[in-house]
Amino acid sequence: MHATTRTWTSLYYRTHAWFETIPLSMQAILTLPISSTRSAPPHQFPLILYTCRSDMFAAIMHHTTSILLLESKPPVSQSTSSLKSQTWHAVQICGVCLANNATWSHDPTVLAELIYAGRFISYHEQRKEVLRSLYLLVKESGLRMGEAVDDMVATWKLDSGFDT
């Protein structure tokens, strides 16, 4: 058990350290928290802008990796209160995907990430925004992912009686 905990802790903190030390050229050019994003309609996610597709994907993959690691977190004896939650990482993924809505973001990976992250979103208004954006991205991209979106909504309905 101790070896598993050590391995998990090492992986989690190395993942975090990698993202904290990426070159300046790969970092977001703008990051605004939810509370400072003033626009119509009001957006329920942080605004995280990238100028390059690969940089955007690196950020998405970092947050996805963090969620996957948190899903498999072993019981630990030390305090892990400094760890961000799965929901926090999911909100970041949605913020990146929704803010970078250039044509190159209409990619199956972006749609899959929104669907994956969406299952961790619990705030009703955020769910509605994810859903609106997903339906628009599916329509604009022509990708056949409507069934996956419907499955995510069905999960929300089971969890909390979500009503679109």
Foldseek 3Di string as FASTA:
>chain_A
DVVVQVVLVVVLVVLVVCVVPDDPLLAFPDWAALVPDDDPPRARAIATHDPDPVSLVSLLVSLVVNLVSQVVNDDDPDDPVVRDYNLVSLSVLCNSLVNHPDPVSLDPVSLVSLLVSLLSDQDLVNNVVSLVVSVVSCVVSVDPCVVSSVVSVVSNCVVPNHDD
